[in-house]
């Protein structure tokens, strides 16, 4: 066995179909493309969503709703999450930077604190927005709320 007599395994190498190379090839004439019409031509491509002349779906279905360009999207964080974070990091002040380093929000996000869960610690919380129940829960434990 040396490099001069290496061959691929039997049946592993196939030659590709040679289309349009005369009648003797068995694939001459129309070259497996049927007869005439756009699909038989080179460079053919139909429009995206084309349904053979039928009104396409994106034109049959009516327009609906709108996108409010002034909407402010907040990342919601519950009081229970703040409680767990303060116990884990052993801190009394939770600001935006603390939330970013903990991986709860991205640095470009707006944060809203929601009132779900129990708070057992006095915390100073800095965020972009607070729900009424969150403010009530934080201030009930003698904590402070700072809106950024």
N, C-alpha and C. Protein backbone atom coordinates (compact mmCIF):
# COMPACT_ATOMS: atom_id res chain seq x y z
N UNK A 1 0.86 -1.20 0.00
CA UNK A 1 0.00 0.00 0.00
C UNK A 1 0.89 1.24 0.00
N UNK A 2 0.75 2.07 -1.03
CA UNK A 2 1.44 3.36 -1.05
C UNK A 2 0.56 4.38 -1.77
N UNK A 3 1.02 5.59 -1.88
CA UNK A 3 0.22 6.67 -2.43
C UNK A 3 -0.20 6.45 -3.88
N UNK A 4 0.55 5.66 -4.62
CA UNK A 4 0.25 5.49 -6.04
C UNK A 4 -0.98 4.63 -6.30
N UNK A 5 -1.37 3.78 -5.34
CA UNK A 5 -2.54 2.93 -5.59
C UNK A 5 -3.69 3.17 -4.60
N UNK A 6 -3.80 4.38 -4.06
CA UNK A 6 -4.93 4.74 -3.21
C UNK A 6 -6.15 5.07 -4.06
N UNK A 7 -7.29 4.52 -3.70
CA UNK A 7 -8.53 4.79 -4.42
C UNK A 7 -9.66 4.95 -3.41
N UNK A 8 -10.66 5.79 -3.73
CA UNK A 8 -11.80 5.89 -2.81
C UNK A 8 -12.60 4.59 -2.80
N UNK A 9 -13.39 4.37 -1.76
CA UNK A 9 -14.19 3.16 -1.63
C UNK A 9 -15.17 3.05 -2.80
N UNK A 10 -15.50 1.81 -3.18
CA UNK A 10 -16.36 1.58 -4.33
C UNK A 10 -17.75 2.16 -4.04
N UNK A 11 -18.28 2.98 -4.98
CA UNK A 11 -19.61 3.57 -4.84
C UNK A 11 -19.64 4.88 -4.07
N UNK A 12 -18.49 5.33 -3.54
CA UNK A 12 -18.49 6.56 -2.75
C UNK A 12 -18.35 7.82 -3.61
N UNK A 13 -17.84 7.67 -4.82
CA UNK A 13 -17.66 8.82 -5.70
C UNK A 13 -18.60 8.71 -6.89
N UNK A 14 -19.49 9.70 -7.03
CA UNK A 14 -20.42 9.71 -8.15
C UNK A 14 -20.09 10.88 -9.05
N UNK A 15 -20.27 10.69 -10.38
CA UNK A 15 -20.10 11.83 -11.28
C UNK A 15 -21.45 12.55 -11.37
N UNK A 16 -21.42 13.87 -11.43
CA UNK A 16 -22.67 14.64 -11.45
C UNK A 16 -23.34 14.56 -12.81
N UNK A 17 -24.68 14.82 -12.83
CA UNK A 17 -25.44 14.78 -14.07
C UNK A 17 -24.95 15.87 -15.01
N UNK A 18 -24.67 15.53 -16.28
CA UNK A 18 -24.23 16.52 -17.24
C UNK A 18 -25.43 16.89 -18.10
N UNK A 19 -26.12 17.96 -17.68
CA UNK A 19 -27.36 18.36 -18.34
C UNK A 19 -27.09 19.12 -19.63
N UNK A 20 -27.96 18.91 -20.60
CA UNK A 20 -27.89 19.68 -21.84
C UNK A 20 -26.66 19.39 -22.66
N UNK A 21 -26.21 18.14 -22.68
CA UNK A 21 -25.02 17.79 -23.46
C UNK A 21 -25.36 16.79 -24.56
N UNK A 22 -26.51 17.03 -25.21
CA UNK A 22 -26.87 16.19 -26.35
C UNK A 22 -27.82 15.07 -25.98
N UNK A 23 -28.49 14.50 -27.02
CA UNK A 23 -29.51 13.47 -26.79
C UNK A 23 -28.90 12.17 -26.28
N UNK A 24 -27.67 11.91 -26.63
CA UNK A 24 -27.03 10.66 -26.20
C UNK A 24 -26.86 10.58 -24.69
N UNK A 25 -26.81 11.71 -24.02
CA UNK A 25 -26.61 11.72 -22.57
C UNK A 25 -27.89 11.31 -21.83
N UNK A 26 -29.03 11.39 -22.53
CA UNK A 26 -30.30 11.11 -21.86
C UNK A 26 -30.84 12.32 -21.12
N UNK A 27 -30.05 13.38 -21.04
CA UNK A 27 -30.47 14.61 -20.36
C UNK A 27 -30.28 15.81 -21.29
N UNK A 28 -30.48 15.60 -22.57
CA UNK A 28 -30.33 16.69 -23.53
C UNK A 28 -31.65 17.39 -23.73
N UNK A 29 -31.82 18.11 -24.81
CA UNK A 29 -33.09 18.76 -25.13
C UNK A 29 -33.48 19.79 -24.09
N UNK A 30 -34.46 19.43 -23.26
CA UNK A 30 -34.97 20.40 -22.28
C UNK A 30 -34.17 20.38 -20.98
N UNK A 31 -33.22 19.48 -20.84
CA UNK A 31 -32.33 19.40 -19.68
C UNK A 31 -33.11 19.28 -18.37
N UNK A 32 -34.11 18.43 -18.34
CA UNK A 32 -34.94 18.13 -17.16
C UNK A 32 -35.75 19.31 -16.65
N UNK A 33 -35.92 20.37 -17.50
CA UNK A 33 -36.66 21.55 -17.04
C UNK A 33 -38.09 21.61 -17.58
N UNK A 34 -38.56 20.57 -18.23
CA UNK A 34 -39.89 20.61 -18.82
C UNK A 34 -39.88 21.42 -20.11
N UNK A 35 -41.05 21.89 -20.55
CA UNK A 35 -41.11 22.62 -21.82
C UNK A 35 -41.42 24.09 -21.62
N UNK A 36 -40.64 24.97 -22.21
CA UNK A 36 -40.86 26.41 -22.27
C UNK A 36 -41.21 27.03 -20.90
N UNK A 37 -41.75 28.22 -20.90
CA UNK A 37 -42.16 28.89 -19.66
C UNK A 37 -40.99 29.47 -18.88
N UNK A 38 -41.33 30.38 -17.96
CA UNK A 38 -40.30 31.10 -17.22
C UNK A 38 -39.39 30.18 -16.43
N UNK A 39 -39.95 29.10 -15.87
CA UNK A 39 -39.15 28.21 -15.02
C UNK A 39 -38.08 27.44 -15.79
N UNK A 40 -38.22 27.38 -17.11
CA UNK A 40 -37.22 26.66 -17.89
C UNK A 40 -36.04 27.56 -18.25
N UNK A 41 -36.20 28.89 -18.06
CA UNK A 41 -35.16 29.83 -18.47
C UNK A 41 -34.10 29.98 -17.38
N UNK A 42 -32.89 30.33 -17.82
CA UNK A 42 -31.86 30.62 -16.83
C UNK A 42 -32.14 31.99 -16.22
N UNK A 43 -31.78 32.17 -14.98
CA UNK A 43 -31.99 33.46 -14.31
C UNK A 43 -33.39 33.65 -13.80
N UNK A 44 -34.24 32.59 -13.85
CA UNK A 44 -35.62 32.73 -13.37
C UNK A 44 -35.66 32.78 -11.84
N UNK A 45 -36.45 33.71 -11.31
CA UNK A 45 -36.77 33.66 -9.87
C UNK A 45 -38.10 34.38 -9.68
N UNK A 46 -39.00 33.78 -8.89
CA UNK A 46 -40.30 34.41 -8.68
C UNK A 46 -40.22 35.38 -7.51
N UNK A 47 -41.13 36.35 -7.48
CA UNK A 47 -41.18 37.31 -6.39
C UNK A 47 -41.47 36.61 -5.07
N UNK A 48 -40.92 37.11 -3.98
CA UNK A 48 -41.21 36.56 -2.66
C UNK A 48 -42.69 36.76 -2.37
N UNK A 49 -43.37 35.70 -1.96
CA UNK A 49 -44.80 35.78 -1.65
C UNK A 49 -45.69 35.64 -2.86
N UNK A 50 -45.14 35.41 -4.05
CA UNK A 50 -45.96 35.26 -5.25
C UNK A 50 -46.75 33.97 -5.18
N UNK A 51 -48.07 34.05 -5.46
CA UNK A 51 -48.94 32.88 -5.35
C UNK A 51 -49.60 32.55 -6.68
N UNK A 52 -48.84 32.66 -7.75
CA UNK A 52 -49.36 32.27 -9.06
C UNK A 52 -50.42 33.20 -9.59
N UNK A 53 -50.40 34.46 -9.23
CA UNK A 53 -51.39 35.42 -9.70
C UNK A 53 -52.53 35.63 -8.72
N UNK A 54 -52.73 34.69 -7.81
CA UNK A 54 -53.72 34.88 -6.73
C UNK A 54 -53.25 36.02 -5.84
N UNK A 55 -54.20 36.78 -5.25
CA UNK A 55 -53.82 37.89 -4.37
C UNK A 55 -53.00 37.33 -3.20
N UNK A 56 -51.76 37.77 -3.02
CA UNK A 56 -50.91 37.18 -1.99
C UNK A 56 -51.40 37.47 -0.57
N UNK A 57 -51.00 36.62 0.34
CA UNK A 57 -51.46 36.69 1.73
C UNK A 57 -51.21 38.06 2.35
N UNK A 58 -50.03 38.62 2.12
CA UNK A 58 -49.70 39.90 2.76
C UNK A 58 -50.55 41.05 2.22
N UNK A 59 -51.24 40.85 1.09
CA UNK A 59 -52.16 41.86 0.58
C UNK A 59 -53.62 41.53 0.89
N UNK A 60 -53.93 40.24 1.11
CA UNK A 60 -55.30 39.84 1.47
C UNK A 60 -55.65 40.24 2.90
N UNK A 61 -54.66 40.12 3.81
CA UNK A 61 -54.90 40.39 5.23
C UNK A 61 -54.82 41.89 5.47
N UNK A 62 -55.80 42.48 6.18
CA UNK A 62 -55.79 43.93 6.38
C UNK A 62 -54.69 44.39 7.33
N UNK A 63 -54.34 45.67 7.22
CA UNK A 63 -53.40 46.26 8.17
C UNK A 63 -54.06 46.31 9.54
N UNK A 64 -53.27 46.19 10.60
CA UNK A 64 -53.86 46.13 11.93
C UNK A 64 -52.93 46.75 12.96
N UNK A 65 -53.46 47.61 13.84
CA UNK A 65 -52.69 48.15 14.96
C UNK A 65 -51.66 49.18 14.55
N UNK A 66 -50.88 49.60 15.54
CA UNK A 66 -49.79 50.53 15.27
C UNK A 66 -48.71 50.37 16.32
N UNK A 67 -47.55 50.94 16.08
CA UNK A 67 -46.42 50.87 16.99
C UNK A 67 -46.23 52.26 17.57
N UNK A 68 -46.38 52.40 18.88
CA UNK A 68 -46.22 53.69 19.52
C UNK A 68 -44.73 54.03 19.62
N UNK A 69 -44.31 55.07 18.90
CA UNK A 69 -42.88 55.42 18.87
C UNK A 69 -42.42 56.09 20.16
N UNK A 70 -43.37 56.51 21.01
CA UNK A 70 -43.02 57.18 22.26
C UNK A 70 -43.02 56.24 23.46
N UNK A 71 -43.28 54.93 23.22
CA UNK A 71 -43.35 53.97 24.33
C UNK A 71 -41.99 53.84 25.02
N UNK A 72 -42.03 53.82 26.35
CA UNK A 72 -40.82 53.60 27.14
C UNK A 72 -40.88 52.18 27.68
N UNK A 73 -39.90 51.37 27.31
CA UNK A 73 -39.86 49.96 27.72
C UNK A 73 -39.00 49.83 28.97
N UNK A 74 -39.62 49.33 30.05
CA UNK A 74 -38.91 49.14 31.31
C UNK A 74 -38.59 47.67 31.53
N UNK A 75 -37.47 47.40 32.21
CA UNK A 75 -37.14 46.06 32.67
C UNK A 75 -37.71 45.95 34.07
N UNK A 76 -38.64 45.03 34.27
CA UNK A 76 -39.32 44.89 35.56
C UNK A 76 -38.51 44.04 36.52
N UNK A 77 -38.35 44.56 37.75
CA UNK A 77 -37.66 43.81 38.80
C UNK A 77 -38.53 43.87 40.05
N UNK A 78 -38.81 42.71 40.64
CA UNK A 78 -39.66 42.63 41.81
C UNK A 78 -38.88 42.86 43.10
N UNK A 79 -39.62 43.23 44.14
CA UNK A 79 -39.01 43.45 45.46
C UNK A 79 -38.35 42.19 45.99
N UNK A 80 -38.96 41.02 45.69
CA UNK A 80 -38.37 39.74 46.13
C UNK A 80 -36.97 39.56 45.55
N UNK A 81 -36.76 40.02 44.32
CA UNK A 81 -35.43 39.95 43.69
C UNK A 81 -34.44 40.87 44.40
N UNK A 82 -34.91 42.08 44.77
CA UNK A 82 -34.06 43.02 45.50
C UNK A 82 -33.67 42.44 46.86
N UNK A 83 -34.62 41.78 47.53
CA UNK A 83 -34.36 41.17 48.83
C UNK A 83 -33.27 40.11 48.70
N UNK A 84 -33.40 39.24 47.70
CA UNK A 84 -32.42 38.18 47.47
C UNK A 84 -31.05 38.76 47.13
N UNK A 85 -31.05 39.83 46.32
CA UNK A 85 -29.79 40.47 45.91
C UNK A 85 -29.09 41.11 47.10
N UNK A 86 -29.85 41.79 47.98
CA UNK A 86 -29.26 42.46 49.13
C UNK A 86 -28.68 41.45 50.13
N UNK A 87 -29.34 40.27 50.24
CA UNK A 87 -28.81 39.22 51.12
C UNK A 87 -27.55 38.60 50.54
N UNK A 88 -27.55 38.42 49.23
CA UNK A 88 -26.41 37.80 48.56
C UNK A 88 -25.17 38.70 48.62
N UNK A 89 -25.36 39.99 48.31
CA UNK A 89 -24.24 40.93 48.27
C UNK A 89 -23.99 41.63 49.61
N UNK A 90 -24.92 41.44 50.57
CA UNK A 90 -24.84 42.07 51.90
C UNK A 90 -24.72 43.59 51.78
N UNK A 91 -25.69 44.21 51.06
CA UNK A 91 -25.71 45.66 50.87
C UNK A 91 -27.06 46.23 51.31
N UNK A 92 -27.07 47.53 51.67
CA UNK A 92 -28.30 48.22 52.05
C UNK A 92 -28.74 49.20 50.98
N UNK A 93 -27.87 49.43 49.97
CA UNK A 93 -28.18 50.36 48.89
C UNK A 93 -28.11 49.61 47.56
N UNK A 94 -29.23 49.62 46.83
CA UNK A 94 -29.25 48.97 45.52
C UNK A 94 -29.49 50.05 44.47
N UNK A 95 -28.44 50.31 43.68
CA UNK A 95 -28.57 51.30 42.61
C UNK A 95 -28.49 50.60 41.26
N UNK A 96 -28.56 51.38 40.20
CA UNK A 96 -28.58 50.84 38.85
C UNK A 96 -27.31 50.04 38.55
N UNK A 97 -26.17 50.54 39.00
CA UNK A 97 -24.90 49.87 38.73
C UNK A 97 -24.83 48.50 39.40
N UNK A 98 -25.42 48.39 40.59
CA UNK A 98 -25.47 47.11 41.30
C UNK A 98 -26.27 46.08 40.49
N UNK A 99 -27.39 46.53 39.92
CA UNK A 99 -28.24 45.65 39.11
C UNK A 99 -27.53 45.20 37.83
N UNK A 100 -26.73 46.12 37.25
CA UNK A 100 -25.99 45.79 36.02
C UNK A 100 -24.91 44.76 36.32
N UNK A 101 -24.15 44.97 37.42
CA UNK A 101 -23.07 44.03 37.76
C UNK A 101 -23.61 42.67 38.18
N UNK A 102 -24.84 42.66 38.75
CA UNK A 102 -25.47 41.39 39.12
C UNK A 102 -26.02 40.65 37.91
N UNK A 103 -26.07 41.34 36.75
CA UNK A 103 -26.53 40.71 35.51
C UNK A 103 -28.04 40.70 35.36
N UNK A 104 -28.75 41.50 36.16
CA UNK A 104 -30.21 41.55 36.07
C UNK A 104 -30.70 42.44 34.94
N UNK A 105 -29.92 43.47 34.60
CA UNK A 105 -30.31 44.38 33.52
C UNK A 105 -29.09 44.72 32.68
N UNK A 106 -29.33 45.20 31.45
CA UNK A 106 -28.23 45.68 30.62
C UNK A 106 -27.99 47.15 30.94
N UNK A 107 -26.84 47.66 30.54
CA UNK A 107 -26.48 49.03 30.91
C UNK A 107 -27.34 50.09 30.23
N UNK A 108 -28.05 49.70 29.15
CA UNK A 108 -28.90 50.66 28.44
C UNK A 108 -30.37 50.57 28.85
N UNK A 109 -30.70 49.64 29.74
CA UNK A 109 -32.10 49.39 30.09
C UNK A 109 -32.63 50.43 31.08
N UNK A 110 -33.96 50.60 31.07
CA UNK A 110 -34.65 51.41 32.08
C UNK A 110 -35.26 50.42 33.06
N UNK A 111 -35.14 50.70 34.36
CA UNK A 111 -35.57 49.75 35.38
C UNK A 111 -36.81 50.25 36.10
N UNK A 112 -37.79 49.35 36.27
CA UNK A 112 -38.96 49.65 37.08
C UNK A 112 -39.06 48.62 38.18
N UNK A 113 -39.21 49.09 39.42
CA UNK A 113 -39.33 48.20 40.56
C UNK A 113 -40.81 47.93 40.81
N UNK A 114 -41.16 46.63 40.88
CA UNK A 114 -42.54 46.21 41.12
C UNK A 114 -42.68 45.62 42.52
N UNK A 115 -43.89 45.61 43.05
CA UNK A 115 -44.12 45.28 44.45
C UNK A 115 -44.39 43.83 44.77
N UNK A 116 -44.02 42.89 43.92
CA UNK A 116 -44.29 41.48 44.18
C UNK A 116 -43.23 40.90 45.12
N UNK A 117 -43.64 40.25 46.18
CA UNK A 117 -42.72 39.62 47.11
C UNK A 117 -42.67 40.35 48.44
N UNK A 118 -41.84 39.84 49.36
CA UNK A 118 -41.71 40.43 50.69
C UNK A 118 -40.34 41.05 50.86
N UNK A 119 -40.33 42.19 51.54
CA UNK A 119 -39.08 42.88 51.84
C UNK A 119 -38.87 42.82 53.35
N UNK A 120 -37.72 42.34 53.78
CA UNK A 120 -37.45 42.20 55.22
C UNK A 120 -36.31 43.10 55.67
N UNK A 121 -35.84 43.97 54.80
CA UNK A 121 -34.65 44.77 55.08
C UNK A 121 -34.92 46.23 54.74
N UNK A 122 -34.21 47.14 55.40
CA UNK A 122 -34.29 48.55 55.04
C UNK A 122 -33.33 48.80 53.88
N UNK A 123 -33.90 49.22 52.76
CA UNK A 123 -33.07 49.40 51.55
C UNK A 123 -33.22 50.80 50.99
N UNK A 124 -32.13 51.28 50.39
CA UNK A 124 -32.17 52.49 49.57
C UNK A 124 -32.11 52.02 48.12
N UNK A 125 -33.20 52.27 47.39
CA UNK A 125 -33.31 51.72 46.03
C UNK A 125 -33.33 52.86 45.01
N UNK A 126 -32.44 52.76 44.01
CA UNK A 126 -32.38 53.74 42.92
C UNK A 126 -32.87 53.05 41.65
N UNK A 127 -33.87 53.63 40.99
CA UNK A 127 -34.37 53.08 39.73
C UNK A 127 -35.05 54.17 38.92
N UNK A 128 -35.40 53.85 37.67
CA UNK A 128 -36.03 54.84 36.79
C UNK A 128 -37.51 55.01 37.10
N UNK A 129 -38.17 53.96 37.61
CA UNK A 129 -39.60 54.04 37.93
C UNK A 129 -39.94 53.02 39.00
N UNK A 130 -41.03 53.29 39.74
CA UNK A 130 -41.50 52.41 40.80
C UNK A 130 -43.02 52.27 40.70
N UNK A 131 -43.53 51.09 41.04
CA UNK A 131 -44.98 50.95 41.16
C UNK A 131 -45.38 51.46 42.54
N UNK A 132 -46.68 51.79 42.71
CA UNK A 132 -47.16 52.30 43.99
C UNK A 132 -46.96 51.28 45.10
N UNK A 133 -47.21 50.00 44.79
CA UNK A 133 -47.06 48.96 45.81
C UNK A 133 -45.59 48.77 46.21
N UNK A 134 -44.66 48.97 45.27
CA UNK A 134 -43.24 48.86 45.57
C UNK A 134 -42.80 49.99 46.49
N UNK A 135 -43.25 51.21 46.20
CA UNK A 135 -42.92 52.37 47.04
C UNK A 135 -43.46 52.15 48.45
N UNK A 136 -44.70 51.67 48.54
CA UNK A 136 -45.33 51.42 49.84
C UNK A 136 -44.55 50.37 50.63
N UNK A 137 -44.13 49.30 49.97
CA UNK A 137 -43.41 48.21 50.64
C UNK A 137 -42.03 48.65 51.11
N UNK A 138 -41.33 49.44 50.29
CA UNK A 138 -39.98 49.91 50.66
C UNK A 138 -40.07 50.91 51.82
N UNK A 139 -41.03 51.84 51.74
CA UNK A 139 -41.16 52.85 52.79
C UNK A 139 -41.74 52.28 54.07
N UNK A 140 -42.47 51.16 53.99
CA UNK A 140 -42.98 50.50 55.20
C UNK A 140 -41.85 49.94 56.03
N UNK A 141 -40.75 49.59 55.40
CA UNK A 141 -39.55 49.08 56.10
C UNK A 141 -38.54 50.20 56.35
N UNK A 142 -39.00 51.46 56.31
CA UNK A 142 -38.15 52.65 56.57
C UNK A 142 -37.04 52.82 55.53
N UNK A 143 -37.29 52.29 54.33
CA UNK A 143 -36.32 52.44 53.25
C UNK A 143 -36.59 53.71 52.45
N UNK A 144 -35.69 54.01 51.51
CA UNK A 144 -35.87 55.21 50.68
C UNK A 144 -35.92 54.83 49.20
N UNK A 145 -36.70 55.61 48.44
CA UNK A 145 -36.89 55.41 47.01
C UNK A 145 -36.29 56.60 46.29
N UNK A 146 -35.39 56.35 45.35
CA UNK A 146 -34.75 57.43 44.58
C UNK A 146 -35.03 57.18 43.11
N UNK A 147 -35.72 58.13 42.46
CA UNK A 147 -36.02 58.01 41.03
C UNK A 147 -34.89 58.65 40.24
N UNK A 148 -34.32 57.88 39.30
CA UNK A 148 -33.20 58.37 38.49
C UNK A 148 -33.67 59.33 37.42
